[in-house]
Amino acid sequence: MSSSVSATEAAKVIGTARERIDALDGQILDLVRERMAVSATVQEARIAAGGRRVHLSREMEILDRYRQRLGKPGTTLAMTLLELCRGRV
């Protein structure tokens, strides 16, 4: 965007972008809830088979994947997701 846009044009661009961000946030939240449900299914199956609720090496894989794609903030995001998905059984 050039530095010579009017305030009206800028407001329109910002409004449109914010609407898109809100839509993306809604999709992300839906996916997080779906991830939580799938994680609960995995935990239930693991416990039913005599295993542990949490599989630490799997969590390390997830942390590494997020770190590789998003850098250090990715690790924080992955930790938050893992926290949301633990202990729902």
PDB file of N, CA and C in Angstrom:
ATOM      1  N   MET A   1       0.844  -1.173   0.000  1.00  0.00           N
ATOM      2  CA  MET A   1       0.000   0.000   0.000  1.00  0.00           C
ATOM      3  C   MET A   1       0.889   1.236   0.000  1.00  0.00           C
ATOM      4  N   SER A   2       0.602   2.206  -0.845  1.00  0.00           N
ATOM      5  CA  SER A   2       1.440   3.386  -0.942  1.00  0.00           C
ATOM      6  C   SER A   2       1.179   4.318   0.231  1.00  0.00           C
ATOM      7  N   SER A   3       2.147   5.210   0.475  1.00  0.00           N
ATOM      8  CA  SER A   3       2.027   6.116   1.614  1.00  0.00           C
ATOM      9  C   SER A   3       1.099   7.287   1.324  1.00  0.00           C
ATOM     10  N   SER A   4       0.546   7.362   0.107  1.00  0.00           N
ATOM     11  CA  SER A   4      -0.309   8.489  -0.246  1.00  0.00           C
ATOM     12  C   SER A   4      -1.799   8.122  -0.281  1.00  0.00           C
ATOM     13  N   VAL A   5      -2.202   7.080   0.437  1.00  0.00           N
ATOM     14  CA  VAL A   5      -3.622   6.723   0.463  1.00  0.00           C
ATOM     15  C   VAL A   5      -4.359   7.647   1.414  1.00  0.00           C
ATOM     16  N   SER A   6      -5.605   7.854   1.104  1.00  0.00           N
ATOM     17  CA  SER A   6      -6.412   8.719   1.965  1.00  0.00           C
ATOM     18  C   SER A   6      -6.825   7.967   3.225  1.00  0.00           C
ATOM     19  N   ALA A   7      -7.242   8.712   4.202  1.00  0.00           N
ATOM     20  CA  ALA A   7      -7.713   8.111   5.456  1.00  0.00           C
ATOM     21  C   ALA A   7      -8.922   7.221   5.187  1.00  0.00           C
ATOM     22  N   THR A   8      -9.771   7.608   4.263  1.00  0.00           N
ATOM     23  CA  THR A   8     -10.953   6.817   3.916  1.00  0.00           C
ATOM     24  C   THR A   8     -10.546   5.485   3.292  1.00  0.00           C
ATOM     25  N   GLU A   9      -9.589   5.546   2.354  1.00  0.00           N
ATOM     26  CA  GLU A   9      -9.109   4.314   1.725  1.00  0.00           C
ATOM     27  C   GLU A   9      -8.448   3.402   2.744  1.00  0.00           C
ATOM     28  N   ALA A  10      -7.640   3.999   3.614  1.00  0.00           N
ATOM     29  CA  ALA A  10      -6.956   3.214   4.654  1.00  0.00           C
ATOM     30  C   ALA A  10      -7.976   2.557   5.577  1.00  0.00           C
ATOM     31  N   ALA A  11      -9.002   3.283   5.955  1.00  0.00           N
ATOM     32  CA  ALA A  11     -10.034   2.739   6.848  1.00  0.00           C
ATOM     33  C   ALA A  11     -10.751   1.563   6.186  1.00  0.00           C
ATOM     34  N   LYS A  12     -10.978   1.671   4.882  1.00  0.00           N
ATOM     35  CA  LYS A  12     -11.634   0.580   4.159  1.00  0.00           C
ATOM     36  C   LYS A  12     -10.746  -0.661   4.130  1.00  0.00           C
ATOM     37  N   VAL A  13      -9.468  -0.471   3.824  1.00  0.00           N
ATOM     38  CA  VAL A  13      -8.524  -1.591   3.798  1.00  0.00           C
ATOM     39  C   VAL A  13      -8.428  -2.234   5.181  1.00  0.00           C
ATOM     40  N   ILE A  14      -8.318  -1.420   6.198  1.00  0.00           N
ATOM     41  CA  ILE A  14      -8.216  -1.920   7.571  1.00  0.00           C
ATOM     42  C   ILE A  14      -9.478  -2.675   7.960  1.00  0.00           C
ATOM     43  N   GLY A  15     -10.643  -2.111   7.647  1.00  0.00           N
ATOM     44  CA  GLY A  15     -11.910  -2.775   7.973  1.00  0.00           C
ATOM     45  C   GLY A  15     -12.032  -4.138   7.306  1.00  0.00           C
ATOM     46  N   THR A  16     -11.680  -4.200   6.021  1.00  0.00           N
ATOM     47  CA  THR A  16     -11.729  -5.465   5.287  1.00  0.00           C
ATOM     48  C   THR A  16     -10.749  -6.478   5.872  1.00  0.00           C
ATOM     49  N   ALA A  17      -9.540  -6.018   6.176  1.00  0.00           N
ATOM     50  CA  ALA A  17      -8.525  -6.918   6.748  1.00  0.00           C
ATOM     51  C   ALA A  17      -8.958  -7.424   8.120  1.00  0.00           C
ATOM     52  N   ARG A  18      -9.543  -6.562   8.924  1.00  0.00           N
ATOM     53  CA  ARG A  18      -9.996  -6.997  10.251  1.00  0.00           C
ATOM     54  C   ARG A  18     -11.129  -8.017  10.160  1.00  0.00           C
ATOM     55  N   GLU A  19     -12.010  -7.835   9.196  1.00  0.00           N
ATOM     56  CA  GLU A  19     -13.066  -8.830   8.987  1.00  0.00           C
ATOM     57  C   GLU A  19     -12.461 -10.182   8.639  1.00  0.00           C
ATOM     58  N   ARG A  20     -11.435 -10.170   7.789  1.00  0.00           N
ATOM     59  CA  ARG A  20     -10.764 -11.421   7.411  1.00  0.00           C
ATOM     60  C   ARG A  20     -10.067 -12.041   8.612  1.00  0.00           C
ATOM     61  N   ILE A  21      -9.419 -11.213   9.426  1.00  0.00           N
ATOM     62  CA  ILE A  21      -8.764 -11.714  10.650  1.00  0.00           C
ATOM     63  C   ILE A  21      -9.793 -12.352  11.576  1.00  0.00           C
ATOM     64  N   ASP A  22     -10.932 -11.696  11.744  1.00  0.00           N
ATOM     65  CA  ASP A  22     -11.984 -12.257  12.598  1.00  0.00           C
ATOM     66  C   ASP A  22     -12.472 -13.605  12.069  1.00  0.00           C
ATOM     67  N   ALA A  23     -12.619 -13.703  10.735  1.00  0.00           N
ATOM     68  CA  ALA A  23     -13.046 -14.976  10.136  1.00  0.00           C
ATOM     69  C   ALA A  23     -11.979 -16.048  10.361  1.00  0.00           C
ATOM     70  N   LEU A  24     -10.717 -15.693  10.177  1.00  0.00           N
ATOM     71  CA  LEU A  24      -9.624 -16.651  10.418  1.00  0.00           C
ATOM     72  C   LEU A  24      -9.588 -17.082  11.875  1.00  0.00           C
ATOM     73  N   ASP A  25      -9.776 -16.136  12.793  1.00  0.00           N
ATOM     74  CA  ASP A  25      -9.801 -16.484  14.219  1.00  0.00           C
ATOM     75  C   ASP A  25     -10.917 -17.476  14.516  1.00  0.00           C
ATOM     76  N   GLY A  26     -12.068 -17.285  13.906  1.00  0.00           N
ATOM     77  CA  GLY A  26     -13.166 -18.226  14.098  1.00  0.00           C
ATOM     78  C   GLY A  26     -12.798 -19.622  13.620  1.00  0.00           C
ATOM     79  N   GLN A  27     -12.139 -19.704  12.473  1.00  0.00           N
ATOM     80  CA  GLN A  27     -11.705 -20.999  11.951  1.00  0.00           C
ATOM     81  C   GLN A  27     -10.658 -21.629  12.866  1.00  0.00           C
ATOM     82  N   ILE A  28      -9.725 -20.818  13.336  1.00  0.00           N
ATOM     83  CA  ILE A  28      -8.685 -21.328  14.242  1.00  0.00           C
ATOM     84  C   ILE A  28      -9.313 -21.879  15.518  1.00  0.00           C
ATOM     85  N   LEU A  29     -10.253 -21.138  16.082  1.00  0.00           N
ATOM     86  CA  LEU A  29     -10.912 -21.600  17.309  1.00  0.00           C
ATOM     87  C   LEU A  29     -11.675 -22.900  17.075  1.00  0.00           C
ATOM     88  N   ASP A  30     -12.350 -23.006  15.941  1.00  0.00           N
ATOM     89  CA  ASP A  30     -13.043 -24.256  15.612  1.00  0.00           C
ATOM     90  C   ASP A  30     -12.054 -25.412  15.491  1.00  0.00           C
ATOM     91  N   LEU A  31     -10.916 -25.169  14.862  1.00  0.00           N
ATOM     92  CA  LEU A  31      -9.898 -26.213  14.716  1.00  0.00           C
ATOM     93  C   LEU A  31      -9.292 -26.611  16.060  1.00  0.00           C
ATOM     94  N   VAL A  32      -9.097 -25.647  16.941  1.00  0.00           N
ATOM     95  CA  VAL A  32      -8.566 -25.964  18.274  1.00  0.00           C
ATOM     96  C   VAL A  32      -9.547 -26.851  19.026  1.00  0.00           C
ATOM     97  N   ARG A  33     -10.824 -26.534  18.958  1.00  0.00           N
ATOM     98  CA  ARG A  33     -11.820 -27.368  19.639  1.00  0.00           C
ATOM     99  C   ARG A  33     -11.861 -28.763  19.033  1.00  0.00           C
ATOM    100  N   GLU A  34     -11.731 -28.862  17.723  1.00  0.00           N
ATOM    101  CA  GLU A  34     -11.686 -30.169  17.071  1.00  0.00           C
ATOM    102  C   GLU A  34     -10.438 -30.931  17.514  1.00  0.00           C
ATOM    103  N   ARG A  35      -9.306 -30.239  17.604  1.00  0.00           N
ATOM    104  CA  ARG A  35      -8.064 -30.874  18.063  1.00  0.00           C
ATOM    105  C   ARG A  35      -8.219 -31.396  19.482  1.00  0.00           C
ATOM    106  N   MET A  36      -8.889 -30.631  20.331  1.00  0.00           N
ATOM    107  CA  MET A  36      -9.126 -31.058  21.713  1.00  0.00           C
ATOM    108  C   MET A  36      -9.940 -32.351  21.740  1.00  0.00           C
ATOM    109  N   ALA A  37     -10.951 -32.434  20.901  1.00  0.00           N
ATOM    110  CA  ALA A  37     -11.795 -33.630  20.862  1.00  0.00           C
ATOM    111  C   ALA A  37     -11.016 -34.841  20.356  1.00  0.00           C
ATOM    112  N   VAL A  38     -10.218 -34.653  19.324  1.00  0.00           N
ATOM    113  CA  VAL A  38      -9.418 -35.754  18.788  1.00  0.00           C
ATOM    114  C   VAL A  38      -8.386 -36.199  19.819  1.00  0.00           C
ATOM    115  N   SER A  39      -7.775 -35.257  20.502  1.00  0.00           N
ATOM    116  CA  SER A  39      -6.803 -35.580  21.544  1.00  0.00           C
ATOM    117  C   SER A  39      -7.445 -36.390  22.663  1.00  0.00           C
ATOM    118  N   ALA A  40      -8.663 -36.029  23.040  1.00  0.00           N
ATOM    119  CA  ALA A  40      -9.374 -36.789  24.080  1.00  0.00           C
ATOM    120  C   ALA A  40      -9.605 -38.226  23.628  1.00  0.00           C
ATOM    121  N   THR A  41      -9.927 -38.418  22.351  1.00  0.00           N
ATOM    122  CA  THR A  41     -10.119 -39.765  21.812  1.00  0.00           C
ATOM    123  C   THR A  41      -8.825 -40.572  21.910  1.00  0.00           C
ATOM    124  N   VAL A  42      -7.712 -39.951  21.548  1.00  0.00           N
ATOM    125  CA  VAL A  42      -6.406 -40.622  21.633  1.00  0.00           C
ATOM    126  C   VAL A  42      -6.097 -40.991  23.085  1.00  0.00           C
ATOM    127  N   GLN A  43      -6.315 -40.057  23.989  1.00  0.00           N
ATOM    128  CA  GLN A  43      -6.029 -40.310  25.405  1.00  0.00           C
ATOM    129  C   GLN A  43      -6.894 -41.451  25.949  1.00  0.00           C
ATOM    130  N   GLU A  44      -8.164 -41.446  25.606  1.00  0.00           N
ATOM    131  CA  GLU A  44      -9.065 -42.504  26.068  1.00  0.00           C
ATOM    132  C   GLU A  44      -8.602 -43.869  25.572  1.00  0.00           C
ATOM    133  N   ALA A  45      -8.218 -43.941  24.299  1.00  0.00           N
ATOM    134  CA  ALA A  45      -7.756 -45.212  23.730  1.00  0.00           C
ATOM    135  C   ALA A  45      -6.453 -45.656  24.385  1.00  0.00           C
ATOM    136  N   ARG A  46      -5.551 -44.725  24.603  1.00  0.00           N
ATOM    137  CA  ARG A  46      -4.272 -45.068  25.217  1.00  0.00           C
ATOM    138  C   ARG A  46      -4.476 -45.578  26.641  1.00  0.00           C
ATOM    139  N   ILE A  47      -5.325 -44.908  27.408  1.00  0.00           N
ATOM    140  CA  ILE A  47      -5.600 -45.324  28.791  1.00  0.00           C
ATOM    141  C   ILE A  47      -6.297 -46.674  28.814  1.00  0.00           C
ATOM    142  N   ALA A  48      -7.260 -46.871  27.912  1.00  0.00           N
ATOM    143  CA  ALA A  48      -7.990 -48.146  27.848  1.00  0.00           C
ATOM    144  C   ALA A  48      -7.044 -49.311  27.544  1.00  0.00           C
ATOM    145  N   ALA A  49      -5.961 -49.023  26.822  1.00  0.00           N
ATOM    146  CA  ALA A  49      -4.987 -50.059  26.484  1.00  0.00           C
ATOM    147  C   ALA A  49      -3.902 -50.189  27.551  1.00  0.00           C
ATOM    148  N   GLY A  50      -4.083 -49.486  28.668  1.00  0.00           N
ATOM    149  CA  GLY A  50      -3.121 -49.573  29.764  1.00  0.00           C
ATOM    150  C   GLY A  50      -1.961 -48.614  29.654  1.00  0.00           C
ATOM    151  N   GLY A  51      -2.041 -47.678  28.728  1.00  0.00           N
ATOM    152  CA  GLY A  51      -0.959 -46.710  28.549  1.00  0.00           C
ATOM    153  C   GLY A  51      -1.162 -45.470  29.392  1.00  0.00           C
ATOM    154  N   ARG A  52      -0.252 -44.544  29.194  1.00  0.00           N
ATOM    155  CA  ARG A  52      -0.315 -43.267  29.916  1.00  0.00           C
ATOM    156  C   ARG A  52      -1.156 -42.267  29.128  1.00  0.00           C
ATOM    157  N   ARG A  53      -1.718 -41.323  29.826  1.00  0.00           N
ATOM    158  CA  ARG A  53      -2.541 -40.290  29.199  1.00  0.00           C
ATOM    159  C   ARG A  53      -1.701 -39.399  28.288  1.00  0.00           C
ATOM    160  N   VAL A  54      -0.483 -39.070  28.724  1.00  0.00           N
ATOM    161  CA  VAL A  54       0.392 -38.174  27.976  1.00  0.00           C
ATOM    162  C   VAL A  54       1.564 -38.976  27.418  1.00  0.00           C
ATOM    163  N   HIS A  55       1.885 -38.731  26.163  1.00  0.00           N
ATOM    164  CA  HIS A  55       3.001 -39.393  25.483  1.00  0.00           C
ATOM    165  C   HIS A  55       4.051 -38.311  25.213  1.00  0.00           C
ATOM    166  N   LEU A  56       5.073 -38.233  26.078  1.00  0.00           N
ATOM    167  CA  LEU A  56       6.009 -37.120  26.048  1.00  0.00           C
ATOM    168  C   LEU A  56       6.810 -37.035  24.750  1.00  0.00           C
ATOM    169  N   SER A  57       7.214 -38.147  24.176  1.00  0.00           N
ATOM    170  CA  SER A  57       7.981 -38.066  22.926  1.00  0.00           C
ATOM    171  C   SER A  57       7.118 -37.508  21.796  1.00  0.00           C
ATOM    172  N   ARG A  58       5.847 -37.825  21.800  1.00  0.00           N
ATOM    173  CA  ARG A  58       4.920 -37.263  20.807  1.00  0.00           C
ATOM    174  C   ARG A  58       4.791 -35.762  21.006  1.00  0.00           C
ATOM    175  N   GLU A  59       4.696 -35.334  22.267  1.00  0.00           N
ATOM    176  CA  GLU A  59       4.603 -33.901  22.535  1.00  0.00           C
ATOM    177  C   GLU A  59       5.864 -33.177  22.066  1.00  0.00           C
ATOM    178  N   MET A  60       7.022 -33.794  22.237  1.00  0.00           N
ATOM    179  CA  MET A  60       8.270 -33.188  21.782  1.00  0.00           C
ATOM    180  C   MET A  60       8.272 -33.036  20.250  1.00  0.00           C
ATOM    181  N   GLU A  61       7.718 -34.011  19.540  1.00  0.00           N
ATOM    182  CA  GLU A  61       7.603 -33.905  18.080  1.00  0.00           C
ATOM    183  C   GLU A  61       6.748 -32.704  17.689  1.00  0.00           C
ATOM    184  N   ILE A  62       5.652 -32.529  18.402  1.00  0.00           N
ATOM    185  CA  ILE A  62       4.737 -31.416  18.123  1.00  0.00           C
ATOM    186  C   ILE A  62       5.431 -30.091  18.398  1.00  0.00           C
ATOM    187  N   LEU A  63       6.105 -29.994  19.545  1.00  0.00           N
ATOM    188  CA  LEU A  63       6.824 -28.764  19.883  1.00  0.00           C
ATOM    189  C   LEU A  63       7.866 -28.428  18.817  1.00  0.00           C
ATOM    190  N   ASP A  64       8.598 -29.437  18.367  1.00  0.00           N
ATOM    191  CA  ASP A  64       9.626 -29.223  17.358  1.00  0.00           C
ATOM    192  C   ASP A  64       9.023 -28.763  16.037  1.00  0.00           C
ATOM    193  N   ARG A  65       7.907 -29.367  15.642  1.00  0.00           N
ATOM    194  CA  ARG A  65       7.243 -28.991  14.384  1.00  0.00           C
ATOM    195  C   ARG A  65       6.814 -27.525  14.411  1.00  0.00           C
ATOM    196  N   TYR A  66       6.214 -27.106  15.507  1.00  0.00           N
ATOM    197  CA  TYR A  66       5.767 -25.713  15.614  1.00  0.00           C
ATOM    198  C   TYR A  66       6.959 -24.761  15.663  1.00  0.00           C
ATOM    199  N   ARG A  67       8.024 -25.157  16.353  1.00  0.00           N
ATOM    200  CA  ARG A  67       9.215 -24.311  16.431  1.00  0.00           C
ATOM    201  C   ARG A  67       9.844 -24.157  15.052  1.00  0.00           C
ATOM    202  N   GLN A  68       9.921 -25.249  14.293  1.00  0.00           N
ATOM    203  CA  GLN A  68      10.510 -25.184  12.961  1.00  0.00           C
ATOM    204  C   GLN A  68       9.721 -24.273  12.029  1.00  0.00           C
ATOM    205  N   ARG A  69       8.410 -24.304  12.148  1.00  0.00           N
ATOM    206  CA  ARG A  69       7.572 -23.509  11.234  1.00  0.00           C
ATOM    207  C   ARG A  69       7.420 -22.050  11.662  1.00  0.00           C
ATOM    208  N   LEU A  70       7.418 -21.810  12.999  1.00  0.00           N
ATOM    209  CA  LEU A  70       7.094 -20.462  13.485  1.00  0.00           C
ATOM    210  C   LEU A  70       8.176 -19.838  14.367  1.00  0.00           C
ATOM    211  N   GLY A  71       9.267 -20.548  14.587  1.00  0.00           N
ATOM    212  CA  GLY A  71      10.306 -20.023  15.463  1.00  0.00           C
ATOM    213  C   GLY A  71       9.920 -20.181  16.926  1.00  0.00           C
ATOM    214  N   LYS A  72      10.609 -19.443  17.788  1.00  0.00           N
ATOM    215  CA  LYS A  72      10.375 -19.566  19.230  1.00  0.00           C
ATOM    216  C   LYS A  72       8.909 -19.343  19.622  1.00  0.00           C
ATOM    217  N   PRO A  73       8.209 -18.362  19.033  1.00  0.00           N
ATOM    218  CA  PRO A  73       6.789 -18.212  19.384  1.00  0.00           C
ATOM    219  C   PRO A  73       5.961 -19.460  19.047  1.00  0.00           C
ATOM    220  N   GLY A  74       6.410 -20.232  18.064  1.00  0.00           N
ATOM    221  CA  GLY A  74       5.722 -21.470  17.726  1.00  0.00           C
ATOM    222  C   GLY A  74       5.743 -22.465  18.869  1.00  0.00           C
ATOM    223  N   THR A  75       6.861 -22.491  19.593  1.00  0.00           N
ATOM    224  CA  THR A  75       6.959 -23.375  20.755  1.00  0.00           C
ATOM    225  C   THR A  75       5.934 -22.975  21.812  1.00  0.00           C
ATOM    226  N   THR A  76       5.808 -21.688  22.025  1.00  0.00           N
ATOM    227  CA  THR A  76       4.827 -21.188  23.001  1.00  0.00           C
ATOM    228  C   THR A  76       3.407 -21.548  22.567  1.00  0.00           C
ATOM    229  N   LEU A  77       3.128 -21.378  21.290  1.00  0.00           N
ATOM    230  CA  LEU A  77       1.807 -21.733  20.771  1.00  0.00           C
ATOM    231  C   LEU A  77       1.538 -23.221  20.943  1.00  0.00           C
ATOM    232  N   ALA A  78       2.528 -24.051  20.614  1.00  0.00           N
ATOM    233  CA  ALA A  78       2.366 -25.501  20.764  1.00  0.00           C
ATOM    234  C   ALA A  78       2.150 -25.879  22.222  1.00  0.00           C
ATOM    235  N   MET A  79       2.878 -25.250  23.130  1.00  0.00           N
ATOM    236  CA  MET A  79       2.693 -25.542  24.560  1.00  0.00           C
ATOM    237  C   MET A  79       1.264 -25.209  24.989  1.00  0.00           C
ATOM    238  N   THR A  80       0.741 -24.117  24.503  1.00  0.00           N
ATOM    239  CA  THR A  80      -0.633 -23.735  24.841  1.00  0.00           C
ATOM    240  C   THR A  80      -1.622 -24.759  24.289  1.00  0.00           C
ATOM    241  N   LEU A  81      -1.424 -25.176  23.048  1.00  0.00           N
ATOM    242  CA  LEU A  81      -2.304 -26.197  22.470  1.00  0.00           C
ATOM    243  C   LEU A  81      -2.234 -27.505  23.254  1.00  0.00           C
ATOM    244  N   LEU A  82      -1.018 -27.919  23.593  1.00  0.00           N
ATOM    245  CA  LEU A  82      -0.865 -29.165  24.358  1.00  0.00           C
ATOM    246  C   LEU A  82      -1.550 -29.051  25.715  1.00  0.00           C
ATOM    247  N   GLU A  83      -1.419 -27.902  26.351  1.00  0.00           N
ATOM    248  CA  GLU A  83      -2.074 -27.692  27.648  1.00  0.00           C
ATOM    249  C   GLU A  83      -3.596 -27.782  27.511  1.00  0.00           C
ATOM    250  N   LEU A  84      -4.124 -27.172  26.457  1.00  0.00           N
ATOM    251  CA  LEU A  84      -5.569 -27.234  26.226  1.00  0.00           C
ATOM    252  C   LEU A  84      -6.056 -28.648  25.987  1.00  0.00           C
ATOM    253  N   CYS A  85      -5.210 -29.474  25.392  1.00  0.00           N
ATOM    254  CA  CYS A  85      -5.627 -30.806  24.977  1.00  0.00           C
ATOM    255  C   CYS A  85      -5.320 -31.890  26.006  1.00  0.00           C
ATOM    256  N   ARG A  86      -4.602 -31.576  27.060  1.00  0.00           N
ATOM    257  CA  ARG A  86      -4.296 -32.585  28.084  1.00  0.00           C
ATOM    258  C   ARG A  86      -5.416 -32.655  29.114  1.00  0.00           C
ATOM    259  N   GLY A  87      -5.560 -33.840  29.655  1.00  0.00           N
ATOM    260  CA  GLY A  87      -6.423 -33.994  30.828  1.00  0.00           C
ATOM    261  C   GLY A  87      -7.902 -33.811  30.585  1.00  0.00           C
ATOM    262  N   ARG A  88      -8.333 -33.968  29.370  1.00  0.00           N
ATOM    263  CA  ARG A  88      -9.763 -33.815  29.082  1.00  0.00           C
ATOM    264  C   ARG A  88     -10.506 -35.137  29.225  1.00  0.00           C
ATOM    265  N   VAL A  89      -9.778 -36.186  29.557  1.00  0.00           N
ATOM    266  CA  VAL A  89     -10.394 -37.517  29.685  1.00  0.00           C
ATOM    267  C   VAL A  89     -10.907 -37.693  31.094  1.00  0.00           C
TER     268      VAL A  89
END
